């Protein structure tokens, strides 16, 4: 996760690991991974029907965030 976030922010992974808390890293990773995943999903969605059959449908979101109410259900 630290490597991915550091790559997006163009920093060294050690700076992320030394200066960030676990919660910050998890939320940042989820946000950046979801942005990339959603972008890929929208690109797949805009393809023609013939091409869609050849390309596997990507996940809309890579990381799912749940509220406490969602977890109660």
PDB file of N, CA and C in Angstrom:
ATOM      1  N   UNK A   1       0.820  -1.183   0.000  1.00  0.00           N
ATOM      2  CA  UNK A   1       0.000   0.000   0.000  1.00  0.00           C
ATOM      3  C   UNK A   1       0.866   1.249   0.000  1.00  0.00           C
ATOM      4  N   UNK A   2       1.890   1.248   0.832  1.00  0.00           N
ATOM      5  CA  UNK A   2       2.755   2.427   0.901  1.00  0.00           C
ATOM      6  C   UNK A   2       3.444   2.662  -0.443  1.00  0.00           C
ATOM      7  N   UNK A   3       3.826   1.591  -1.118  1.00  0.00           N
ATOM      8  CA  UNK A   3       4.473   1.736  -2.422  1.00  0.00           C
ATOM      9  C   UNK A   3       3.516   2.357  -3.425  1.00  0.00           C
ATOM     10  N   UNK A   4       2.277   1.915  -3.442  1.00  0.00           N
ATOM     11  CA  UNK A   4       1.278   2.431  -4.373  1.00  0.00           C
ATOM     12  C   UNK A   4       0.997   3.907  -4.109  1.00  0.00           C
ATOM     13  N   UNK A   5       0.783   4.265  -2.854  1.00  0.00           N
ATOM     14  CA  UNK A   5       0.502   5.657  -2.495  1.00  0.00           C
ATOM     15  C   UNK A   5       1.712   6.537  -2.812  1.00  0.00           C
ATOM     16  N   UNK A   6       2.898   6.053  -2.506  1.00  0.00           N
ATOM     17  CA  UNK A   6       4.107   6.818  -2.793  1.00  0.00           C
ATOM     18  C   UNK A   6       4.282   7.019  -4.297  1.00  0.00           C
ATOM     19  N   UNK A   7       3.942   6.020  -5.070  1.00  0.00           N
ATOM     20  CA  UNK A   7       4.036   6.128  -6.530  1.00  0.00           C
ATOM     21  C   UNK A   7       3.075   7.193  -7.044  1.00  0.00           C
ATOM     22  N   UNK A   8       1.859   7.219  -6.521  1.00  0.00           N
ATOM     23  CA  UNK A   8       0.872   8.212  -6.942  1.00  0.00           C
ATOM     24  C   UNK A   8       1.325   9.620  -6.557  1.00  0.00           C
ATOM     25  N   UNK A   9       1.863   9.760  -5.351  1.00  0.00           N
ATOM     26  CA  UNK A   9       2.282  11.063  -4.852  1.00  0.00           C
ATOM     27  C   UNK A   9       3.708  11.439  -5.268  1.00  0.00           C
ATOM     28  N   UNK A  10       4.377  10.534  -5.963  1.00  0.00           N
ATOM     29  CA  UNK A  10       5.764  10.746  -6.411  1.00  0.00           C
ATOM     30  C   UNK A  10       6.685  11.040  -5.225  1.00  0.00           C
ATOM     31  N   UNK A  11       6.585  10.159  -4.225  1.00  0.00           N
ATOM     32  CA  UNK A  11       7.438  10.235  -3.042  1.00  0.00           C
ATOM     33  C   UNK A  11       8.076   8.877  -2.813  1.00  0.00           C
ATOM     34  N   UNK A  12       8.983   8.829  -1.874  1.00  0.00           N
ATOM     35  CA  UNK A  12       9.596   7.554  -1.514  1.00  0.00           C
ATOM     36  C   UNK A  12       8.693   6.836  -0.519  1.00  0.00           C
ATOM     37  N   UNK A  13       8.563   5.513  -0.641  1.00  0.00           N
ATOM     38  CA  UNK A  13       7.699   4.768   0.293  1.00  0.00           C
ATOM     39  C   UNK A  13       8.114   4.939   1.753  1.00  0.00           C
ATOM     40  N   UNK A  14       9.402   5.108   2.013  1.00  0.00           N
ATOM     41  CA  UNK A  14       9.855   5.301   3.395  1.00  0.00           C
ATOM     42  C   UNK A  14       9.272   6.562   4.017  1.00  0.00           C
ATOM     43  N   UNK A  15       9.115   7.617   3.225  1.00  0.00           N
ATOM     44  CA  UNK A  15       8.509   8.847   3.754  1.00  0.00           C
ATOM     45  C   UNK A  15       7.071   8.601   4.178  1.00  0.00           C
ATOM     46  N   UNK A  16       6.375   7.781   3.410  1.00  0.00           N
ATOM     47  CA  UNK A  16       4.988   7.445   3.750  1.00  0.00           C
ATOM     48  C   UNK A  16       4.954   6.610   5.030  1.00  0.00           C
ATOM     49  N   UNK A  17       5.781   5.586   5.089  1.00  0.00           N
ATOM     50  CA  UNK A  17       5.770   4.691   6.251  1.00  0.00           C
ATOM     51  C   UNK A  17       6.218   5.396   7.527  1.00  0.00           C
ATOM     52  N   UNK A  18       7.173   6.307   7.422  1.00  0.00           N
ATOM     53  CA  UNK A  18       7.686   6.989   8.609  1.00  0.00           C
ATOM     54  C   UNK A  18       6.768   8.092   9.116  1.00  0.00           C
ATOM     55  N   UNK A  19       6.065   8.763   8.198  1.00  0.00           N
ATOM     56  CA  UNK A  19       5.310   9.936   8.606  1.00  0.00           C
ATOM     57  C   UNK A  19       3.809   9.760   8.702  1.00  0.00           C
ATOM     58  N   UNK A  20       3.265   8.699   8.158  1.00  0.00           N
ATOM     59  CA  UNK A  20       1.818   8.530   8.129  1.00  0.00           C
ATOM     60  C   UNK A  20       1.376   7.479   9.136  1.00  0.00           C
ATOM     61  N   UNK A  21       0.156   7.630   9.609  1.00  0.00           N
ATOM     62  CA  UNK A  21      -0.457   6.605  10.447  1.00  0.00           C
ATOM     63  C   UNK A  21      -1.110   5.543   9.572  1.00  0.00           C
ATOM     64  N   UNK A  22      -1.476   4.445  10.181  1.00  0.00           N
ATOM     65  CA  UNK A  22      -2.086   3.342   9.451  1.00  0.00           C
ATOM     66  C   UNK A  22      -3.420   3.763   8.834  1.00  0.00           C
ATOM     67  N   UNK A  23      -4.227   4.487   9.591  1.00  0.00           N
ATOM     68  CA  UNK A  23      -5.532   4.913   9.089  1.00  0.00           C
ATOM     69  C   UNK A  23      -5.376   5.832   7.875  1.00  0.00           C
ATOM     70  N   UNK A  24      -4.423   6.755   7.935  1.00  0.00           N
ATOM     71  CA  UNK A  24      -4.186   7.653   6.802  1.00  0.00           C
ATOM     72  C   UNK A  24      -3.774   6.874   5.566  1.00  0.00           C
ATOM     73  N   UNK A  25      -2.911   5.911   5.757  1.00  0.00           N
ATOM     74  CA  UNK A  25      -2.436   5.102   4.639  1.00  0.00           C
ATOM     75  C   UNK A  25      -3.571   4.291   4.028  1.00  0.00           C
ATOM     76  N   UNK A  26      -4.410   3.695   4.858  1.00  0.00           N
ATOM     77  CA  UNK A  26      -5.536   2.904   4.352  1.00  0.00           C
ATOM     78  C   UNK A  26      -6.528   3.749   3.553  1.00  0.00           C
ATOM     79  N   UNK A  27      -6.855   4.920   4.065  1.00  0.00           N
ATOM     80  CA  UNK A  27      -7.818   5.779   3.370  1.00  0.00           C
ATOM     81  C   UNK A  27      -7.220   6.308   2.068  1.00  0.00           C
ATOM     82  N   UNK A  28      -5.957   6.721   2.107  1.00  0.00           N
ATOM     83  CA  UNK A  28      -5.310   7.225   0.890  1.00  0.00           C
ATOM     84  C   UNK A  28      -5.226   6.126  -0.161  1.00  0.00           C
ATOM     85  N   UNK A  29      -4.834   4.923   0.254  1.00  0.00           N
ATOM     86  CA  UNK A  29      -4.754   3.805  -0.695  1.00  0.00           C
ATOM     87  C   UNK A  29      -6.126   3.518  -1.297  1.00  0.00           C
ATOM     88  N   UNK A  30      -7.150   3.472  -0.457  1.00  0.00           N
ATOM     89  CA  UNK A  30      -8.501   3.205  -0.944  1.00  0.00           C
ATOM     90  C   UNK A  30      -8.965   4.253  -1.932  1.00  0.00           C
ATOM     91  N   UNK A  31      -8.711   5.504  -1.630  1.00  0.00           N
ATOM     92  CA  UNK A  31      -9.131   6.589  -2.511  1.00  0.00           C
ATOM     93  C   UNK A  31      -8.414   6.516  -3.859  1.00  0.00           C
ATOM     94  N   UNK A  32      -7.105   6.367  -3.852  1.00  0.00           N
ATOM     95  CA  UNK A  32      -6.346   6.327  -5.103  1.00  0.00           C
ATOM     96  C   UNK A  32      -6.660   5.070  -5.915  1.00  0.00           C
ATOM     97  N   UNK A  33      -6.806   3.952  -5.246  1.00  0.00           N
ATOM     98  CA  UNK A  33      -7.131   2.710  -5.947  1.00  0.00           C
ATOM     99  C   UNK A  33      -8.530   2.788  -6.557  1.00  0.00           C
ATOM    100  N   UNK A  34      -9.477   3.395  -5.835  1.00  0.00           N
ATOM    101  CA  UNK A  34     -10.832   3.547  -6.356  1.00  0.00           C
ATOM    102  C   UNK A  34     -10.875   4.485  -7.557  1.00  0.00           C
ATOM    103  N   UNK A  35     -10.100   5.556  -7.517  1.00  0.00           N
ATOM    104  CA  UNK A  35     -10.054   6.477  -8.652  1.00  0.00           C
ATOM    105  C   UNK A  35      -9.557   5.758  -9.909  1.00  0.00           C
ATOM    106  N   UNK A  36      -8.500   4.980  -9.755  1.00  0.00           N
ATOM    107  CA  UNK A  36      -7.947   4.250 -10.894  1.00  0.00           C
ATOM    108  C   UNK A  36      -8.919   3.170 -11.382  1.00  0.00           C
ATOM    109  N   UNK A  37      -9.499   2.448 -10.460  1.00  0.00           N
ATOM    110  CA  UNK A  37     -10.433   1.383 -10.815  1.00  0.00           C
ATOM    111  C   UNK A  37     -11.673   1.941 -11.502  1.00  0.00           C
ATOM    112  N   UNK A  38     -12.207   3.040 -10.986  1.00  0.00           N
ATOM    113  CA  UNK A  38     -13.404   3.635 -11.580  1.00  0.00           C
ATOM    114  C   UNK A  38     -13.110   4.178 -12.975  1.00  0.00           C
ATOM    115  N   UNK A  39     -11.918   4.737 -13.152  1.00  0.00           N
ATOM    116  CA  UNK A  39     -11.500   5.212 -14.470  1.00  0.00           C
ATOM    117  C   UNK A  39     -11.459   4.056 -15.473  1.00  0.00           C
ATOM    118  N   UNK A  40     -10.894   2.929 -15.054  1.00  0.00           N
ATOM    119  CA  UNK A  40     -10.856   1.740 -15.919  1.00  0.00           C
ATOM    120  C   UNK A  40     -12.256   1.228 -16.227  1.00  0.00           C
ATOM    121  N   UNK A  41     -13.127   1.267 -15.223  1.00  0.00           N
ATOM    122  CA  UNK A  41     -14.511   0.827 -15.419  1.00  0.00           C
ATOM    123  C   UNK A  41     -15.232   1.712 -16.436  1.00  0.00           C
ATOM    124  N   UNK A  42     -15.071   3.031 -16.320  1.00  0.00           N
ATOM    125  CA  UNK A  42     -15.718   3.946 -17.257  1.00  0.00           C
ATOM    126  C   UNK A  42     -15.192   3.765 -18.673  1.00  0.00           C
ATOM    127  N   UNK A  43     -13.897   3.498 -18.787  1.00  0.00           N
ATOM    128  CA  UNK A  43     -13.312   3.240 -20.107  1.00  0.00           C
ATOM    129  C   UNK A  43     -13.909   1.971 -20.710  1.00  0.00           C
ATOM    130  N   UNK A  44     -14.037   0.907 -19.898  1.00  0.00           N
ATOM    131  CA  UNK A  44     -14.640  -0.343 -20.364  1.00  0.00           C
ATOM    132  C   UNK A  44     -16.090  -0.113 -20.771  1.00  0.00           C
ATOM    133  N   UNK A  45     -16.813   0.700 -19.972  1.00  0.00           N
ATOM    134  CA  UNK A  45     -18.226   0.946 -20.217  1.00  0.00           C
ATOM    135  C   UNK A  45     -18.449   1.679 -21.541  1.00  0.00           C
ATOM    136  N   UNK A  46     -17.480   2.504 -21.938  1.00  0.00           N
ATOM    137  CA  UNK A  46     -17.632   3.273 -23.174  1.00  0.00           C
ATOM    138  C   UNK A  46     -17.278   2.467 -24.424  1.00  0.00           C
ATOM    139  N   UNK A  47     -16.779   1.249 -24.260  1.00  0.00           N
ATOM    140  CA  UNK A  47     -16.424   0.418 -25.407  1.00  0.00           C
ATOM    141  C   UNK A  47     -17.674  -0.082 -26.120  1.00  0.00           C
ATOM    142  N   UNK A  48     -17.500  -0.480 -27.360  1.00  0.00           N
ATOM    143  CA  UNK A  48     -18.602  -1.073 -28.110  1.00  0.00           C
ATOM    144  C   UNK A  48     -18.904  -2.464 -27.597  1.00  0.00           C
ATOM    145  N   UNK A  49     -20.073  -2.981 -27.945  1.00  0.00           N
ATOM    146  CA  UNK A  49     -20.514  -4.291 -27.462  1.00  0.00           C
ATOM    147  C   UNK A  49     -19.572  -5.417 -27.866  1.00  0.00           C
ATOM    148  N   UNK A  50     -19.058  -5.381 -29.076  1.00  0.00           N
ATOM    149  CA  UNK A  50     -18.160  -6.442 -29.554  1.00  0.00           C
ATOM    150  C   UNK A  50     -16.870  -6.473 -28.733  1.00  0.00           C
ATOM    151  N   UNK A  51     -16.322  -5.314 -28.462  1.00  0.00           N
ATOM    152  CA  UNK A  51     -15.085  -5.232 -27.682  1.00  0.00           C
ATOM    153  C   UNK A  51     -15.335  -5.604 -26.232  1.00  0.00           C
ATOM    154  N   UNK A  52     -16.502  -5.236 -25.687  1.00  0.00           N
ATOM    155  CA  UNK A  52     -16.823  -5.554 -24.296  1.00  0.00           C
ATOM    156  C   UNK A  52     -16.798  -7.063 -24.057  1.00  0.00           C
ATOM    157  N   UNK A  53     -17.208  -7.834 -25.039  1.00  0.00           N
ATOM    158  CA  UNK A  53     -17.207  -9.293 -24.877  1.00  0.00           C
ATOM    159  C   UNK A  53     -15.789  -9.838 -24.778  1.00  0.00           C
ATOM    160  N   UNK A  54     -14.841  -9.172 -25.425  1.00  0.00           N
ATOM    161  CA  UNK A  54     -13.454  -9.645 -25.442  1.00  0.00           C
ATOM    162  C   UNK A  54     -12.683  -9.239 -24.189  1.00  0.00           C
ATOM    163  N   UNK A  55     -13.079  -8.128 -23.584  1.00  0.00           N
ATOM    164  CA  UNK A  55     -12.365  -7.581 -22.428  1.00  0.00           C
ATOM    165  C   UNK A  55     -13.154  -7.877 -21.164  1.00  0.00           C
ATOM    166  N   UNK A  56     -12.464  -8.398 -20.157  1.00  0.00           N
ATOM    167  CA  UNK A  56     -13.121  -8.706 -18.883  1.00  0.00           C
ATOM    168  C   UNK A  56     -13.553  -7.409 -18.192  1.00  0.00           C
ATOM    169  N   UNK A  57     -14.759  -7.421 -17.640  1.00  0.00           N
ATOM    170  CA  UNK A  57     -15.295  -6.242 -16.961  1.00  0.00           C
ATOM    171  C   UNK A  57     -14.482  -5.957 -15.697  1.00  0.00           C
ATOM    172  N   UNK A  58     -13.919  -4.736 -15.588  1.00  0.00           N
ATOM    173  CA  UNK A  58     -13.176  -4.409 -14.363  1.00  0.00           C
ATOM    174  C   UNK A  58     -14.133  -4.076 -13.221  1.00  0.00           C
ATOM    175  N   UNK A  59     -13.637  -4.194 -12.011  1.00  0.00           N
ATOM    176  CA  UNK A  59     -14.446  -3.824 -10.849  1.00  0.00           C
ATOM    177  C   UNK A  59     -14.643  -2.317 -10.842  1.00  0.00           C
ATOM    178  N   UNK A  60     -15.828  -1.907 -10.425  1.00  0.00           N
ATOM    179  CA  UNK A  60     -16.105  -0.470 -10.374  1.00  0.00           C
ATOM    180  C   UNK A  60     -15.283   0.198  -9.276  1.00  0.00           C
ATOM    181  N   UNK A  61     -15.179  -0.458  -8.132  1.00  0.00           N
ATOM    182  CA  UNK A  61     -14.383   0.065  -7.015  1.00  0.00           C
ATOM    183  C   UNK A  61     -13.454  -1.026  -6.513  1.00  0.00           C
ATOM    184  N   UNK A  62     -12.206  -0.668  -6.269  1.00  0.00           N
ATOM    185  CA  UNK A  62     -11.221  -1.632  -5.784  1.00  0.00           C
ATOM    186  C   UNK A  62     -11.355  -1.851  -4.280  1.00  0.00           C
ATOM    187  N   UNK A  63     -11.650  -0.783  -3.552  1.00  0.00           N
ATOM    188  CA  UNK A  63     -11.759  -0.839  -2.093  1.00  0.00           C
ATOM    189  C   UNK A  63     -13.129  -0.296  -1.712  1.00  0.00           C
ATOM    190  N   UNK A  64     -13.883  -1.072  -0.967  1.00  0.00           N
ATOM    191  CA  UNK A  64     -15.218  -0.644  -0.543  1.00  0.00           C
ATOM    192  C   UNK A  64     -15.141  -0.052   0.857  1.00  0.00           C
ATOM    193  N   UNK A  65     -15.703   1.138   1.010  1.00  0.00           N
ATOM    194  CA  UNK A  65     -15.764   1.783   2.317  1.00  0.00           C
ATOM    195  C   UNK A  65     -17.167   1.598   2.870  1.00  0.00           C
ATOM    196  N   UNK A  66     -17.261   1.165   4.113  1.00  0.00           N
ATOM    197  CA  UNK A  66     -18.551   0.929   4.761  1.00  0.00           C
ATOM    198  C   UNK A  66     -18.717   1.864   5.947  1.00  0.00           C
ATOM    199  N   UNK A  67     -19.942   2.349   6.153  1.00  0.00           N
ATOM    200  CA  UNK A  67     -20.256   3.127   7.344  1.00  0.00           C
ATOM    201  C   UNK A  67     -20.674   2.150   8.451  1.00  0.00           C
ATOM    202  N   UNK A  68     -20.804   2.658   9.649  1.00  0.00           N
ATOM    203  CA  UNK A  68     -21.256   1.815  10.760  1.00  0.00           C
ATOM    204  C   UNK A  68     -22.668   1.286  10.508  1.00  0.00           C
ATOM    205  N   UNK A  69     -23.511   2.088   9.856  1.00  0.00           N
ATOM    206  CA  UNK A  69     -24.872   1.635   9.535  1.00  0.00           C
ATOM    207  C   UNK A  69     -24.840   0.486   8.553  1.00  0.00           C
ATOM    208  N   UNK A  70     -23.940   0.530   7.574  1.00  0.00           N
ATOM    209  CA  UNK A  70     -23.808  -0.567   6.624  1.00  0.00           C
ATOM    210  C   UNK A  70     -23.391  -1.857   7.317  1.00  0.00           C
ATOM    211  N   UNK A  71     -22.506  -1.727   8.281  1.00  0.00           N
ATOM    212  CA  UNK A  71     -22.031  -2.917   8.983  1.00  0.00           C
ATOM    213  C   UNK A  71     -23.101  -3.491   9.913  1.00  0.00           C
ATOM    214  N   UNK A  72     -24.007  -2.658  10.393  1.00  0.00           N
ATOM    215  CA  UNK A  72     -25.071  -3.129  11.270  1.00  0.00           C
ATOM    216  C   UNK A  72     -26.064  -3.999  10.509  1.00  0.00           C
ATOM    217  N   UNK A  73     -26.223  -3.741   9.205  1.00  0.00           N
ATOM    218  CA  UNK A  73     -27.164  -4.522   8.386  1.00  0.00           C
ATOM    219  C   UNK A  73     -26.594  -5.836   8.119  1.00  0.00           C
TER     220      UNK A  73
END
